[in-house]
Amino acid sequence: MSESEYLRMDPFYGDMDTIECRRVSIVTTRAVHRCIASDQGHEIPMGSRAWCERAKVDGRFQSFYCCLPCLDRMAIGGTP
C-alpha cells in the first residue's frame, strides 16, 4: 500500500472516545513501541516504519503505533 492509503486507515474506527488534536503520520520509530493492532502485544522494533496517531483522547495526550504488516492484514479484512 502507499503511504497515503495507510494514512486513511483508522484502527480505532468505531471507538466512542472524545478525540481532539488528532494527527496521523507514517514514522520511522526511534524506540521500541507496542503495536496497538495486535492482541498478542507484539513490539515494533526501533527503525521500523509504522502508522502513528498522536491525539488528545478523553483529555490526555497520547501516542499510538501500529506496524504496517498489521495494517496490511486489516486492509484485506484479516485479523491483525
N, C-alpha and C. Protein backbone atom coordinates (compact mmCIF):
# COMPACT_ATOMS: atom_id res chain seq x y z
N MET A 1 0.84 -1.19 0.00
CA MET A 1 0.00 0.00 0.00
C MET A 1 0.87 1.24 0.00
N SER A 2 0.30 2.32 -0.49
CA SER A 2 1.03 3.59 -0.48
C SER A 2 0.87 4.27 0.87
N GLU A 3 1.74 5.24 1.12
CA GLU A 3 1.68 5.96 2.40
C GLU A 3 0.34 6.66 2.58
N SER A 4 -0.21 7.22 1.51
CA SER A 4 -1.50 7.91 1.62
C SER A 4 -2.62 6.93 1.96
N GLU A 5 -2.54 5.69 1.47
CA GLU A 5 -3.55 4.68 1.83
C GLU A 5 -3.44 4.31 3.31
N TYR A 6 -2.21 4.16 3.81
CA TYR A 6 -2.03 3.89 5.24
C TYR A 6 -2.60 5.03 6.08
N LEU A 7 -2.38 6.26 5.65
CA LEU A 7 -2.84 7.42 6.42
C LEU A 7 -4.36 7.51 6.50
N ARG A 8 -5.05 6.96 5.52
CA ARG A 8 -6.52 6.96 5.54
C ARG A 8 -7.09 5.89 6.46
N MET A 9 -6.29 4.94 6.87
CA MET A 9 -6.78 3.86 7.74
C MET A 9 -6.95 4.36 9.17
N ASP A 10 -7.91 3.77 9.88
CA ASP A 10 -8.15 4.13 11.28
C ASP A 10 -8.42 2.87 12.09
N PRO A 11 -7.39 2.32 12.73
CA PRO A 11 -7.59 1.11 13.54
C PRO A 11 -8.57 1.30 14.70
N PHE A 12 -8.85 2.55 15.07
CA PHE A 12 -9.75 2.83 16.18
C PHE A 12 -11.18 3.13 15.72
N TYR A 13 -11.47 2.94 14.44
CA TYR A 13 -12.79 3.29 13.91
C TYR A 13 -13.89 2.66 14.77
N GLY A 14 -14.84 3.48 15.19
CA GLY A 14 -15.96 2.99 15.98
C GLY A 14 -15.81 3.22 17.48
N ASP A 15 -14.61 3.55 17.95
CA ASP A 15 -14.43 3.85 19.37
C ASP A 15 -15.21 5.10 19.72
N MET A 16 -15.71 5.17 20.93
CA MET A 16 -16.56 6.27 21.35
C MET A 16 -15.81 7.30 22.20
N ASP A 17 -14.49 7.28 22.20
CA ASP A 17 -13.71 8.23 22.98
C ASP A 17 -13.83 9.63 22.38
N THR A 18 -13.60 10.65 23.22
CA THR A 18 -13.55 12.02 22.76
C THR A 18 -12.13 12.30 22.28
N ILE A 19 -11.99 12.63 20.98
CA ILE A 19 -10.67 12.82 20.38
C ILE A 19 -10.54 14.25 19.87
N GLU A 20 -9.42 14.88 20.25
CA GLU A 20 -9.12 16.23 19.80
C GLU A 20 -7.66 16.26 19.33
N CYS A 21 -7.32 17.26 18.57
CA CYS A 21 -5.93 17.49 18.14
C CYS A 21 -5.31 16.24 17.52
N ARG A 22 -6.06 15.53 16.70
CA ARG A 22 -5.59 14.27 16.12
C ARG A 22 -4.64 14.52 14.97
N ARG A 23 -3.50 13.82 14.99
CA ARG A 23 -2.53 13.90 13.91
C ARG A 23 -2.05 12.49 13.61
N VAL A 24 -2.13 12.08 12.36
CA VAL A 24 -1.71 10.75 11.94
C VAL A 24 -0.57 10.89 10.95
N SER A 25 0.46 10.05 11.11
CA SER A 25 1.59 10.08 10.18
C SER A 25 2.22 8.70 10.10
N ILE A 26 3.00 8.52 9.06
CA ILE A 26 3.83 7.32 8.94
C ILE A 26 5.22 7.74 9.40
N VAL A 27 5.74 7.04 10.40
CA VAL A 27 7.01 7.42 11.01
C VAL A 27 8.00 6.27 10.95
N THR A 28 9.26 6.61 11.16
CA THR A 28 10.29 5.62 11.41
C THR A 28 10.53 5.66 12.91
N THR A 29 10.28 4.56 13.59
CA THR A 29 10.34 4.56 15.05
C THR A 29 11.77 4.79 15.55
N ARG A 30 11.88 5.58 16.61
CA ARG A 30 13.17 5.84 17.23
C ARG A 30 13.33 5.04 18.52
N ALA A 31 12.30 4.30 18.87
CA ALA A 31 12.32 3.44 20.06
C ALA A 31 11.42 2.25 19.77
N VAL A 32 11.41 1.28 20.63
CA VAL A 32 10.52 0.12 20.51
C VAL A 32 9.13 0.55 21.00
N HIS A 33 8.09 0.20 20.25
CA HIS A 33 6.71 0.53 20.63
C HIS A 33 5.84 -0.71 20.52
N ARG A 34 4.78 -0.75 21.31
CA ARG A 34 3.81 -1.85 21.25
C ARG A 34 2.85 -1.57 20.10
N CYS A 35 2.56 -2.57 19.28
CA CYS A 35 1.62 -2.44 18.18
C CYS A 35 0.20 -2.53 18.73
N ILE A 36 -0.61 -1.51 18.50
CA ILE A 36 -1.96 -1.47 19.07
C ILE A 36 -2.92 -2.44 18.38
N ALA A 37 -2.56 -2.95 17.21
CA ALA A 37 -3.46 -3.83 16.47
C ALA A 37 -3.30 -5.29 16.85
N SER A 38 -2.34 -5.60 17.68
CA SER A 38 -2.05 -7.00 17.99
C SER A 38 -2.57 -7.38 19.36
N ASP A 39 -3.39 -8.42 19.41
CA ASP A 39 -3.86 -8.94 20.70
C ASP A 39 -2.71 -9.52 21.51
N GLN A 40 -1.70 -10.02 20.81
CA GLN A 40 -0.55 -10.60 21.49
C GLN A 40 0.41 -9.52 21.98
N GLY A 41 0.18 -8.28 21.57
CA GLY A 41 1.01 -7.18 22.03
C GLY A 41 2.43 -7.22 21.53
N HIS A 42 2.62 -7.60 20.25
CA HIS A 42 3.98 -7.65 19.73
C HIS A 42 4.57 -6.25 19.67
N GLU A 43 5.87 -6.18 19.60
CA GLU A 43 6.56 -4.90 19.60
C GLU A 43 7.00 -4.53 18.19
N ILE A 44 7.03 -3.23 17.93
CA ILE A 44 7.54 -2.69 16.69
C ILE A 44 8.99 -2.30 16.97
N PRO A 45 9.95 -2.92 16.28
CA PRO A 45 11.36 -2.63 16.55
C PRO A 45 11.76 -1.19 16.19
N MET A 46 12.76 -0.69 16.84
CA MET A 46 13.32 0.61 16.53
C MET A 46 13.79 0.60 15.07
N GLY A 47 13.54 1.69 14.36
CA GLY A 47 13.94 1.81 12.97
C GLY A 47 12.92 1.28 11.97
N SER A 48 11.75 0.84 12.45
CA SER A 48 10.69 0.31 11.57
C SER A 48 9.75 1.43 11.14
N ARG A 49 9.14 1.26 9.99
CA ARG A 49 8.10 2.19 9.55
C ARG A 49 6.79 1.77 10.23
N ALA A 50 6.03 2.76 10.70
CA ALA A 50 4.79 2.47 11.44
C ALA A 50 3.80 3.62 11.28
N TRP A 51 2.52 3.28 11.41
CA TRP A 51 1.45 4.25 11.47
C TRP A 51 1.46 4.81 12.89
N CYS A 52 1.36 6.12 13.04
CA CYS A 52 1.39 6.73 14.37
C CYS A 52 0.27 7.74 14.48
N GLU A 53 -0.50 7.65 15.56
CA GLU A 53 -1.53 8.63 15.84
C GLU A 53 -1.19 9.32 17.15
N ARG A 54 -1.16 10.64 17.10
CA ARG A 54 -0.98 11.44 18.31
C ARG A 54 -2.25 12.25 18.47
N ALA A 55 -2.85 12.17 19.65
CA ALA A 55 -4.12 12.85 19.85
C ALA A 55 -4.38 13.07 21.34
N LYS A 56 -5.29 13.97 21.60
CA LYS A 56 -5.80 14.17 22.95
C LYS A 56 -7.05 13.31 23.06
N VAL A 57 -6.95 12.24 23.85
CA VAL A 57 -8.03 11.26 23.98
C VAL A 57 -8.59 11.35 25.39
N ASP A 58 -9.87 11.68 25.49
CA ASP A 58 -10.52 11.85 26.79
C ASP A 58 -9.71 12.74 27.72
N GLY A 59 -9.16 13.84 27.15
CA GLY A 59 -8.46 14.83 27.95
C GLY A 59 -6.98 14.58 28.17
N ARG A 60 -6.43 13.47 27.65
CA ARG A 60 -5.00 13.16 27.84
C ARG A 60 -4.32 13.02 26.48
N PHE A 61 -3.14 13.64 26.33
CA PHE A 61 -2.37 13.46 25.10
C PHE A 61 -1.73 12.08 25.10
N GLN A 62 -1.88 11.36 23.99
CA GLN A 62 -1.36 10.00 23.87
C GLN A 62 -0.83 9.76 22.47
N SER A 63 0.05 8.77 22.34
CA SER A 63 0.56 8.33 21.04
C SER A 63 0.29 6.85 20.90
N PHE A 64 -0.12 6.43 19.71
CA PHE A 64 -0.42 5.04 19.42
C PHE A 64 0.32 4.65 18.15
N TYR A 65 0.83 3.43 18.12
CA TYR A 65 1.59 2.94 16.97
C TYR A 65 1.00 1.63 16.47
N CYS A 66 1.02 1.45 15.15
CA CYS A 66 0.58 0.21 14.53
C CYS A 66 1.57 -0.13 13.43
N CYS A 67 2.07 -1.36 13.44
CA CYS A 67 3.04 -1.74 12.41
C CYS A 67 2.33 -1.87 11.06
N LEU A 68 3.07 -1.65 9.99
CA LEU A 68 2.49 -1.69 8.65
C LEU A 68 2.01 -3.09 8.26
N PRO A 69 2.68 -4.19 8.67
CA PRO A 69 2.13 -5.51 8.35
C PRO A 69 0.74 -5.75 8.97
N CYS A 70 0.51 -5.25 10.18
CA CYS A 70 -0.83 -5.39 10.79
C CYS A 70 -1.85 -4.55 10.02
N LEU A 71 -1.47 -3.35 9.58
CA LEU A 71 -2.38 -2.55 8.77
C LEU A 71 -2.69 -3.23 7.44
N ASP A 72 -1.69 -3.88 6.85
CA ASP A 72 -1.92 -4.62 5.60
C ASP A 72 -2.97 -5.71 5.82
N ARG A 73 -2.86 -6.44 6.92
CA ARG A 73 -3.84 -7.51 7.20
C ARG A 73 -5.22 -6.93 7.46
N MET A 74 -5.29 -5.78 8.14
CA MET A 74 -6.57 -5.14 8.39
C MET A 74 -7.21 -4.68 7.07
N ALA A 75 -6.39 -4.22 6.14
CA ALA A 75 -6.91 -3.71 4.86
C ALA A 75 -7.58 -4.79 4.03
N ILE A 76 -7.12 -6.03 4.16
CA ILE A 76 -7.74 -7.10 3.39
C ILE A 76 -8.81 -7.84 4.20
N GLY A 77 -9.12 -7.28 5.38
CA GLY A 77 -10.19 -7.83 6.19
C GLY A 77 -9.77 -8.93 7.12
N GLY A 78 -8.49 -9.12 7.28
CA GLY A 78 -8.00 -10.17 8.17
C GLY A 78 -7.79 -9.66 9.59
N THR A 79 -7.47 -10.58 10.45
CA THR A 79 -7.18 -10.23 11.83
C THR A 79 -5.73 -9.82 11.93
N PRO A 80 -5.43 -8.69 12.60
CA PRO A 80 -4.05 -8.25 12.73
C PRO A 80 -3.23 -9.19 13.50
